[in-house]
């Protein structure tokens, strides 16, 4: 696909498509919110999509919290350096740090 300026935008589109496919698959199979919803009208479809996205966000956020909590507990119990290494925050690019520090 070509953009208006003539640049090739296929790679970002492929990433977005695969991300949306993963989200839709999770909402349909794991959460079962999109299994067989009876939706009539565009506004109700928008509401269902927003509820599904919020539910997916909660699921991923709580999974992250549980993962970090278990790592912290294991780290306190065993003093394993590999676990402590996993708990170190990632390096934040300077461009993002500048944005954060402005606020």
N, C-alpha and C. Protein backbone atom coordinates (compact mmCIF):
# COMPACT_ATOMS: atom_id res chain seq x y z
N UNK A 1 0.83 -1.19 0.00
CA UNK A 1 0.00 0.00 0.00
C UNK A 1 0.87 1.25 0.00
N UNK A 2 0.51 2.19 -0.78
CA UNK A 2 1.26 3.45 -0.84
C UNK A 2 0.49 4.52 -0.09
N UNK A 3 1.23 5.35 0.63
CA UNK A 3 0.60 6.48 1.31
C UNK A 3 0.54 7.65 0.34
N UNK A 4 0.02 8.75 0.82
CA UNK A 4 -0.12 9.93 -0.03
C UNK A 4 1.22 10.48 -0.49
N UNK A 5 2.23 10.33 0.36
CA UNK A 5 3.54 10.85 0.00
C UNK A 5 4.33 9.86 -0.84
N UNK A 6 3.78 8.66 -1.07
CA UNK A 6 4.48 7.67 -1.86
C UNK A 6 5.33 6.73 -1.04
N UNK A 7 5.26 6.85 0.30
CA UNK A 7 6.06 5.96 1.15
C UNK A 7 5.32 4.64 1.32
N UNK A 8 6.07 3.61 1.54
CA UNK A 8 5.50 2.28 1.71
C UNK A 8 5.06 2.10 3.16
N UNK A 9 3.77 1.86 3.39
CA UNK A 9 3.23 1.73 4.74
C UNK A 9 2.73 0.32 5.02
N UNK A 10 3.22 -0.67 4.29
CA UNK A 10 2.70 -2.02 4.48
C UNK A 10 3.13 -2.62 5.80
N UNK A 11 4.33 -2.33 6.27
CA UNK A 11 4.79 -2.94 7.52
C UNK A 11 3.98 -2.46 8.71
N UNK A 12 3.74 -1.15 8.89
CA UNK A 12 2.89 -0.73 10.02
C UNK A 12 1.46 -1.30 9.90
N UNK A 13 0.93 -1.39 8.69
CA UNK A 13 -0.41 -1.94 8.53
C UNK A 13 -0.45 -3.41 8.89
N UNK A 14 0.60 -4.16 8.55
CA UNK A 14 0.64 -5.58 8.91
C UNK A 14 0.70 -5.74 10.42
N UNK A 15 1.45 -4.88 11.10
CA UNK A 15 1.54 -4.96 12.56
C UNK A 15 0.19 -4.65 13.20
N UNK A 16 -0.48 -3.63 12.68
CA UNK A 16 -1.79 -3.28 13.23
C UNK A 16 -2.80 -4.39 12.99
N UNK A 17 -2.73 -4.98 11.81
CA UNK A 17 -3.69 -6.04 11.50
C UNK A 17 -3.46 -7.26 12.40
N UNK A 18 -2.21 -7.65 12.58
CA UNK A 18 -1.96 -8.82 13.43
C UNK A 18 -2.35 -8.53 14.88
N UNK A 19 -2.13 -7.30 15.34
CA UNK A 19 -2.53 -6.93 16.70
C UNK A 19 -4.05 -6.98 16.84
N UNK A 20 -4.77 -6.48 15.86
CA UNK A 20 -6.23 -6.50 15.94
C UNK A 20 -6.76 -7.93 15.83
N UNK A 21 -6.11 -8.77 15.04
CA UNK A 21 -6.52 -10.17 14.94
C UNK A 21 -6.33 -10.88 16.27
N UNK A 22 -5.20 -10.61 16.94
CA UNK A 22 -4.97 -11.21 18.26
C UNK A 22 -6.02 -10.74 19.26
N UNK A 23 -6.34 -9.46 19.22
CA UNK A 23 -7.35 -8.92 20.14
C UNK A 23 -8.72 -9.55 19.88
N UNK A 24 -9.10 -9.61 18.62
CA UNK A 24 -10.39 -10.20 18.28
C UNK A 24 -10.45 -11.67 18.69
N UNK A 25 -9.36 -12.39 18.46
CA UNK A 25 -9.32 -13.80 18.82
C UNK A 25 -9.46 -13.98 20.33
N UNK A 26 -8.77 -13.15 21.10
CA UNK A 26 -8.86 -13.24 22.55
C UNK A 26 -10.26 -12.90 23.03
N UNK A 27 -10.86 -11.87 22.46
CA UNK A 27 -12.20 -11.48 22.87
C UNK A 27 -13.21 -12.57 22.51
N UNK A 28 -12.99 -13.24 21.41
CA UNK A 28 -13.95 -14.25 20.97
C UNK A 28 -13.77 -15.57 21.71
N UNK A 29 -12.53 -16.02 21.89
CA UNK A 29 -12.30 -17.35 22.44
C UNK A 29 -12.12 -17.35 23.96
N UNK A 30 -11.35 -16.43 24.50
CA UNK A 30 -11.06 -16.44 25.93
C UNK A 30 -12.15 -15.76 26.75
N UNK A 31 -12.55 -14.59 26.31
CA UNK A 31 -13.52 -13.82 27.07
C UNK A 31 -14.95 -14.21 26.70
N UNK A 32 -15.14 -14.71 25.50
CA UNK A 32 -16.43 -15.16 24.96
C UNK A 32 -17.47 -14.04 24.89
N UNK A 33 -16.99 -12.80 24.80
CA UNK A 33 -17.92 -11.68 24.72
C UNK A 33 -18.44 -11.51 23.29
N UNK A 34 -17.68 -11.99 22.32
CA UNK A 34 -18.10 -11.85 20.93
C UNK A 34 -18.53 -13.18 20.32
N UNK A 35 -18.91 -14.16 21.16
CA UNK A 35 -19.22 -15.48 20.62
C UNK A 35 -20.43 -15.42 19.70
N UNK A 36 -21.57 -15.05 20.22
CA UNK A 36 -22.76 -14.89 19.37
C UNK A 36 -23.60 -13.74 19.92
N UNK A 37 -23.05 -12.54 19.86
CA UNK A 37 -23.86 -11.43 20.37
C UNK A 37 -24.97 -11.05 19.38
N UNK A 38 -26.11 -10.77 19.91
CA UNK A 38 -27.21 -10.32 19.06
C UNK A 38 -27.20 -8.80 19.09
N UNK A 39 -26.73 -8.22 18.01
CA UNK A 39 -26.56 -6.78 17.96
C UNK A 39 -27.37 -6.23 16.79
N UNK A 40 -28.21 -5.28 17.11
CA UNK A 40 -29.00 -4.61 16.08
C UNK A 40 -28.69 -3.13 16.15
N UNK A 41 -28.13 -2.58 15.09
CA UNK A 41 -27.83 -1.16 15.04
C UNK A 41 -26.36 -0.88 15.27
N UNK A 42 -25.94 0.19 14.65
CA UNK A 42 -24.53 0.59 14.72
C UNK A 42 -24.14 1.04 16.13
N UNK A 43 -25.02 1.77 16.80
CA UNK A 43 -24.67 2.27 18.13
C UNK A 43 -24.50 1.12 19.12
N UNK A 44 -25.33 0.09 19.02
CA UNK A 44 -25.18 -1.06 19.91
C UNK A 44 -23.92 -1.85 19.57
N UNK A 45 -23.58 -1.91 18.31
CA UNK A 45 -22.33 -2.58 17.91
C UNK A 45 -21.13 -1.83 18.46
N UNK A 46 -21.18 -0.51 18.44
CA UNK A 46 -20.10 0.30 19.02
C UNK A 46 -19.97 0.06 20.52
N UNK A 47 -21.11 -0.01 21.20
CA UNK A 47 -21.09 -0.26 22.65
C UNK A 47 -20.50 -1.63 22.93
N UNK A 48 -20.89 -2.64 22.17
CA UNK A 48 -20.36 -4.00 22.38
C UNK A 48 -18.86 -4.04 22.12
N UNK A 49 -18.41 -3.35 21.09
CA UNK A 49 -16.97 -3.32 20.79
C UNK A 49 -16.20 -2.62 21.91
N UNK A 50 -16.75 -1.54 22.44
CA UNK A 50 -16.08 -0.83 23.53
C UNK A 50 -16.04 -1.68 24.80
N UNK A 51 -17.13 -2.37 25.11
CA UNK A 51 -17.14 -3.26 26.27
C UNK A 51 -16.13 -4.39 26.11
N UNK A 52 -16.05 -4.93 24.93
CA UNK A 52 -15.08 -6.00 24.67
C UNK A 52 -13.66 -5.48 24.83
N UNK A 53 -13.38 -4.29 24.33
CA UNK A 53 -12.03 -3.72 24.45
C UNK A 53 -11.68 -3.42 25.90
N UNK A 54 -12.64 -2.91 26.67
CA UNK A 54 -12.40 -2.63 28.09
C UNK A 54 -12.14 -3.93 28.84
N UNK A 55 -12.93 -4.96 28.55
CA UNK A 55 -12.75 -6.26 29.19
C UNK A 55 -11.38 -6.84 28.87
N UNK A 56 -10.97 -6.73 27.63
CA UNK A 56 -9.65 -7.23 27.23
C UNK A 56 -8.54 -6.46 27.93
N UNK A 57 -8.70 -5.15 28.05
CA UNK A 57 -7.71 -4.33 28.75
C UNK A 57 -7.59 -4.75 30.21
N UNK A 58 -8.73 -4.97 30.88
CA UNK A 58 -8.71 -5.44 32.27
C UNK A 58 -8.02 -6.79 32.39
N UNK A 59 -8.33 -7.70 31.48
CA UNK A 59 -7.74 -9.03 31.53
C UNK A 59 -6.22 -8.95 31.41
N UNK A 60 -5.72 -8.17 30.46
CA UNK A 60 -4.28 -8.05 30.26
C UNK A 60 -3.62 -7.32 31.43
N UNK A 61 -4.28 -6.30 31.97
CA UNK A 61 -3.70 -5.56 33.10
C UNK A 61 -3.61 -6.45 34.33
N UNK A 62 -4.66 -7.20 34.62
CA UNK A 62 -4.62 -8.07 35.79
C UNK A 62 -3.63 -9.22 35.61
N UNK A 63 -3.49 -9.73 34.40
CA UNK A 63 -2.49 -10.77 34.14
C UNK A 63 -1.08 -10.22 34.41
N UNK A 64 -0.83 -8.97 34.01
CA UNK A 64 0.46 -8.34 34.26
C UNK A 64 0.70 -8.17 35.76
N UNK A 65 -0.32 -7.71 36.48
CA UNK A 65 -0.19 -7.50 37.92
C UNK A 65 0.10 -8.83 38.63
N UNK A 66 -0.60 -9.88 38.24
CA UNK A 66 -0.37 -11.19 38.85
C UNK A 66 1.03 -11.69 38.55
N UNK A 67 1.49 -11.50 37.32
CA UNK A 67 2.83 -11.94 36.94
C UNK A 67 3.90 -11.24 37.78
N UNK A 68 3.78 -9.92 37.91
CA UNK A 68 4.77 -9.15 38.68
C UNK A 68 4.69 -9.51 40.16
N UNK A 69 3.48 -9.69 40.69
CA UNK A 69 3.31 -10.03 42.10
C UNK A 69 3.97 -11.37 42.41
N UNK A 70 3.78 -12.36 41.55
CA UNK A 70 4.40 -13.66 41.79
C UNK A 70 5.92 -13.58 41.68
N UNK A 71 6.41 -12.77 40.75
CA UNK A 71 7.87 -12.59 40.65
C UNK A 71 8.45 -11.92 41.89
N UNK A 72 7.75 -10.93 42.43
CA UNK A 72 8.22 -10.25 43.65
C UNK A 72 8.25 -11.22 44.82
N UNK A 73 7.20 -12.02 44.95
CA UNK A 73 7.17 -13.00 46.04
C UNK A 73 8.29 -14.03 45.90
N UNK A 74 8.50 -14.53 44.69
CA UNK A 74 9.59 -15.49 44.47
C UNK A 74 10.94 -14.85 44.75
N UNK A 75 11.08 -13.60 44.37
CA UNK A 75 12.34 -12.89 44.59
C UNK A 75 12.62 -12.74 46.08
N UNK A 76 11.60 -12.44 46.86
CA UNK A 76 11.77 -12.29 48.30
C UNK A 76 12.06 -13.61 49.00
N UNK A 77 11.50 -14.69 48.46
CA UNK A 77 11.68 -16.00 49.10
C UNK A 77 13.01 -16.66 48.74
N UNK A 78 13.46 -16.48 47.50
CA UNK A 78 14.62 -17.25 47.04
C UNK A 78 15.88 -16.42 46.85
N UNK A 79 15.77 -15.12 46.69
CA UNK A 79 16.91 -14.25 46.38
C UNK A 79 17.65 -14.70 45.11
N UNK A 80 16.90 -15.19 44.15
CA UNK A 80 17.48 -15.64 42.89
C UNK A 80 17.80 -14.42 42.02
N UNK A 81 19.05 -14.27 41.54
CA UNK A 81 19.39 -13.09 40.73
C UNK A 81 18.67 -13.06 39.38
N UNK A 82 18.29 -14.21 38.86
CA UNK A 82 17.56 -14.22 37.58
C UNK A 82 16.17 -13.61 37.72
N UNK A 83 15.54 -13.87 38.86
CA UNK A 83 14.21 -13.29 39.09
C UNK A 83 14.33 -11.78 39.31
N UNK A 84 15.33 -11.36 40.06
CA UNK A 84 15.54 -9.92 40.28
C UNK A 84 15.84 -9.20 38.97
N UNK A 85 16.52 -9.90 38.07
CA UNK A 85 16.82 -9.32 36.76
C UNK A 85 15.55 -9.10 35.95
N UNK A 86 14.60 -10.02 36.09
CA UNK A 86 13.31 -9.87 35.39
C UNK A 86 12.50 -8.71 35.95
N UNK A 87 12.72 -8.37 37.21
CA UNK A 87 11.96 -7.28 37.84
C UNK A 87 12.54 -5.90 37.54
N UNK A 88 13.74 -5.84 36.99
CA UNK A 88 14.32 -4.54 36.63
C UNK A 88 13.49 -3.89 35.52
N UNK A 89 13.21 -2.62 35.66
CA UNK A 89 12.43 -1.96 34.60
C UNK A 89 13.25 -1.83 33.32
N UNK A 90 12.58 -1.81 32.18
CA UNK A 90 13.31 -1.67 30.92
C UNK A 90 13.86 -0.25 30.76
N UNK A 91 14.84 -0.12 29.90
CA UNK A 91 15.38 1.21 29.59
C UNK A 91 14.33 2.01 28.83
N UNK A 92 14.13 3.24 29.25
CA UNK A 92 13.14 4.11 28.61
C UNK A 92 13.88 5.05 27.67
N UNK A 93 13.45 5.12 26.40
CA UNK A 93 14.12 6.02 25.45
C UNK A 93 14.04 7.48 25.92
N UNK A 94 15.06 8.25 25.56
CA UNK A 94 15.13 9.66 25.98
C UNK A 94 13.94 10.46 25.48
N UNK A 95 13.45 10.13 24.29
CA UNK A 95 12.31 10.88 23.75
C UNK A 95 11.08 10.72 24.63
N UNK A 96 10.87 9.52 25.16
CA UNK A 96 9.73 9.31 26.04
C UNK A 96 9.98 9.95 27.40
N UNK A 97 11.19 9.86 27.89
CA UNK A 97 11.52 10.52 29.17
C UNK A 97 11.27 12.01 29.09
N UNK A 98 11.64 12.65 27.96
CA UNK A 98 11.38 14.08 27.79
C UNK A 98 9.91 14.40 27.85
N UNK A 99 9.09 13.56 27.25
CA UNK A 99 7.63 13.78 27.27
C UNK A 99 7.10 13.65 28.68
N UNK A 100 7.57 12.64 29.40
CA UNK A 100 7.10 12.40 30.76
C UNK A 100 7.51 13.55 31.69
N UNK A 101 8.74 14.03 31.54
CA UNK A 101 9.24 15.07 32.42
C UNK A 101 8.59 16.42 32.15
N UNK A 102 8.01 16.64 31.00
CA UNK A 102 7.33 17.90 30.70
C UNK A 102 6.06 18.05 31.50
N UNK A 103 5.41 16.94 31.81
CA UNK A 103 4.12 17.00 32.49
C UNK A 103 4.24 17.18 33.94
